[in-house]
């Protein structure tokens, strides 16, 4: 299960890198053509913040996997994902 989450996290990091690069290119084009870049810069700032969260999540998953590998006698449980709660049948 952790490896599946890691694969998803890696894809999110890669997609985030592409989005940031594309937004930087858009900003350069807007600026070159004399257009206002305020909204595009704000969007880029959001992309960078989300990317930092994706990287932190991926790094946490890697840390958990490394700890599990170092201590194979421990049972492996599901990874807690903020915002994804089991209501317990309620």
C-alpha atoms as a PDB file:
ATOM      1  CA  UNK A   1       0.000   0.000   0.000  1.00  0.00           C
ATOM      2  CA  UNK A   2       2.811   2.444   0.883  1.00  0.00           C
ATOM      3  CA  UNK A   3       4.504   1.782  -2.457  1.00  0.00           C
ATOM      4  CA  UNK A   4       1.286   2.639  -4.289  1.00  0.00           C
ATOM      5  CA  UNK A   5       1.045   5.905  -2.347  1.00  0.00           C
ATOM      6  CA  UNK A   6       4.695   6.615  -3.130  1.00  0.00           C
ATOM      7  CA  UNK A   7       4.059   6.119  -6.854  1.00  0.00           C
ATOM      8  CA  UNK A   8       1.148   8.570  -6.698  1.00  0.00           C
ATOM      9  CA  UNK A   9       3.267  11.071  -4.774  1.00  0.00           C
ATOM     10  CA  UNK A  10       6.110  10.773  -7.307  1.00  0.00           C
ATOM     11  CA  UNK A  11       3.663  11.458 -10.145  1.00  0.00           C
ATOM     12  CA  UNK A  12       2.346  14.520  -8.305  1.00  0.00           C
ATOM     13  CA  UNK A  13       5.889  15.852  -7.839  1.00  0.00           C
ATOM     14  CA  UNK A  14       6.704  15.317 -11.523  1.00  0.00           C
ATOM     15  CA  UNK A  15       3.452  16.975 -12.628  1.00  0.00           C
ATOM     16  CA  UNK A  16       4.108  19.885 -10.284  1.00  0.00           C
ATOM     17  CA  UNK A  17       7.532  20.425 -11.814  1.00  0.00           C
ATOM     18  CA  UNK A  18       5.951  20.536 -15.284  1.00  0.00           C
ATOM     19  CA  UNK A  19       3.257  22.975 -14.161  1.00  0.00           C
ATOM     20  CA  UNK A  20       5.807  25.308 -12.610  1.00  0.00           C
ATOM     21  CA  UNK A  21       7.982  25.258 -15.722  1.00  0.00           C
ATOM     22  CA  UNK A  22       4.994  25.914 -17.986  1.00  0.00           C
ATOM     23  CA  UNK A  23       3.793  28.776 -15.787  1.00  0.00           C
ATOM     24  CA  UNK A  24       7.262  30.333 -15.771  1.00  0.00           C
ATOM     25  CA  UNK A  25       7.229  30.178 -19.570  1.00  0.00           C
ATOM     26  CA  UNK A  26       3.773  31.799 -19.693  1.00  0.00           C
ATOM     27  CA  UNK A  27       4.973  34.599 -17.438  1.00  0.00           C
ATOM     28  CA  UNK A  28       8.010  35.200 -19.638  1.00  0.00           C
ATOM     29  CA  UNK A  29       5.769  35.395 -22.722  1.00  0.00           C
ATOM     30  CA  UNK A  30       3.298  37.745 -21.024  1.00  0.00           C
ATOM     31  CA  UNK A  31       6.112  39.969 -19.828  1.00  0.00           C
ATOM     32  CA  UNK A  32       7.826  39.971 -23.222  1.00  0.00           C
ATOM     33  CA  UNK A  33       4.552  40.972 -24.890  1.00  0.00           C
ATOM     34  CA  UNK A  34       3.945  43.766 -22.383  1.00  0.00           C
ATOM     35  CA  UNK A  35       1.019  42.160 -20.545  1.00  0.00           C
ATOM     36  CA  UNK A  36       0.291  42.305 -16.828  1.00  0.00           C
ATOM     37  CA  UNK A  37       1.804  39.283 -15.059  1.00  0.00           C
ATOM     38  CA  UNK A  38       0.207  39.787 -11.636  1.00  0.00           C
ATOM     39  CA  UNK A  39      -2.305  36.941 -11.802  1.00  0.00           C
ATOM     40  CA  UNK A  40       0.169  34.623 -13.496  1.00  0.00           C
ATOM     41  CA  UNK A  41       2.732  35.308 -10.759  1.00  0.00           C
ATOM     42  CA  UNK A  42       0.126  34.644  -8.068  1.00  0.00           C
ATOM     43  CA  UNK A  43      -0.720  31.347  -9.762  1.00  0.00           C
ATOM     44  CA  UNK A  44       2.971  30.460  -9.896  1.00  0.00           C
ATOM     45  CA  UNK A  45       3.282  31.148  -6.167  1.00  0.00           C
ATOM     46  CA  UNK A  46       0.367  28.768  -5.551  1.00  0.00           C
ATOM     47  CA  UNK A  47       1.961  26.105  -7.759  1.00  0.00           C
ATOM     48  CA  UNK A  48       5.207  26.416  -5.799  1.00  0.00           C
ATOM     49  CA  UNK A  49       3.415  26.084  -2.465  1.00  0.00           C
ATOM     50  CA  UNK A  50       1.512  23.014  -3.625  1.00  0.00           C
ATOM     51  CA  UNK A  51       4.754  21.577  -4.997  1.00  0.00           C
ATOM     52  CA  UNK A  52       6.439  22.030  -1.618  1.00  0.00           C
ATOM     53  CA  UNK A  53       3.557  20.082  -0.046  1.00  0.00           C
ATOM     54  CA  UNK A  54       3.850  17.328  -2.658  1.00  0.00           C
ATOM     55  CA  UNK A  55       7.591  17.030  -2.031  1.00  0.00           C
ATOM     56  CA  UNK A  56       7.074  16.961   1.751  1.00  0.00           C
ATOM     57  CA  UNK A  57       4.436  14.225   1.392  1.00  0.00           C
ATOM     58  CA  UNK A  58       6.686  12.186  -0.892  1.00  0.00           C
ATOM     59  CA  UNK A  59       9.603  12.594   1.530  1.00  0.00           C
ATOM     60  CA  UNK A  60       7.412  11.467   4.431  1.00  0.00           C
ATOM     61  CA  UNK A  61       6.408   8.342   2.515  1.00  0.00           C
ATOM     62  CA  UNK A  62      10.055   7.603   1.760  1.00  0.00           C
ATOM     63  CA  UNK A  63      10.929   8.017   5.441  1.00  0.00           C
ATOM     64  CA  UNK A  64       8.135   5.654   6.475  1.00  0.00           C
ATOM     65  CA  UNK A  65       9.263   3.059   3.939  1.00  0.00           C
ATOM     66  CA  UNK A  66      12.871   3.337   5.115  1.00  0.00           C
ATOM     67  CA  UNK A  67      11.798   2.895   8.732  1.00  0.00           C
ATOM     68  CA  UNK A  68       9.664  -0.115   7.797  1.00  0.00           C
ATOM     69  CA  UNK A  69      12.583  -1.661   5.906  1.00  0.00           C
ATOM     70  CA  UNK A  70      14.897  -1.131   8.880  1.00  0.00           C
ATOM     71  CA  UNK A  71      12.399  -2.760  11.268  1.00  0.00           C
ATOM     72  CA  UNK A  72      10.680  -5.596   9.395  1.00  0.00           C
ATOM     73  CA  UNK A  73       9.384  -7.108  12.637  1.00  0.00           C
ATOM     74  CA  UNK A  74       6.839  -4.283  12.976  1.00  0.00           C
ATOM     75  CA  UNK A  75       3.416  -4.699  11.392  1.00  0.00           C
ATOM     76  CA  UNK A  76       2.823  -2.453   8.416  1.00  0.00           C
ATOM     77  CA  UNK A  77      -0.285  -0.309   8.660  1.00  0.00           C
ATOM     78  CA  UNK A  78      -1.963   2.080   6.275  1.00  0.00           C
ATOM     79  CA  UNK A  79      -0.516   5.519   5.754  1.00  0.00           C
ATOM     80  CA  UNK A  80      -2.587   8.297   7.273  1.00  0.00           C
ATOM     81  CA  UNK A  81      -3.666  10.776   4.617  1.00  0.00           C
ATOM     82  CA  UNK A  82      -4.980  14.089   5.920  1.00  0.00           C
ATOM     83  CA  UNK A  83      -8.439  14.803   4.586  1.00  0.00           C
ATOM     84  CA  UNK A  84      -9.233  11.136   3.934  1.00  0.00           C
ATOM     85  CA  UNK A  85     -10.956   9.873   7.036  1.00  0.00           C
ATOM     86  CA  UNK A  86     -12.895   6.698   7.566  1.00  0.00           C
ATOM     87  CA  UNK A  87     -16.214   7.651   9.104  1.00  0.00           C
ATOM     88  CA  UNK A  88     -16.404   4.293  10.840  1.00  0.00           C
ATOM     89  CA  UNK A  89     -19.683   3.480   9.165  1.00  0.00           C
ATOM     90  CA  UNK A  90     -21.396   6.621  10.391  1.00  0.00           C
END
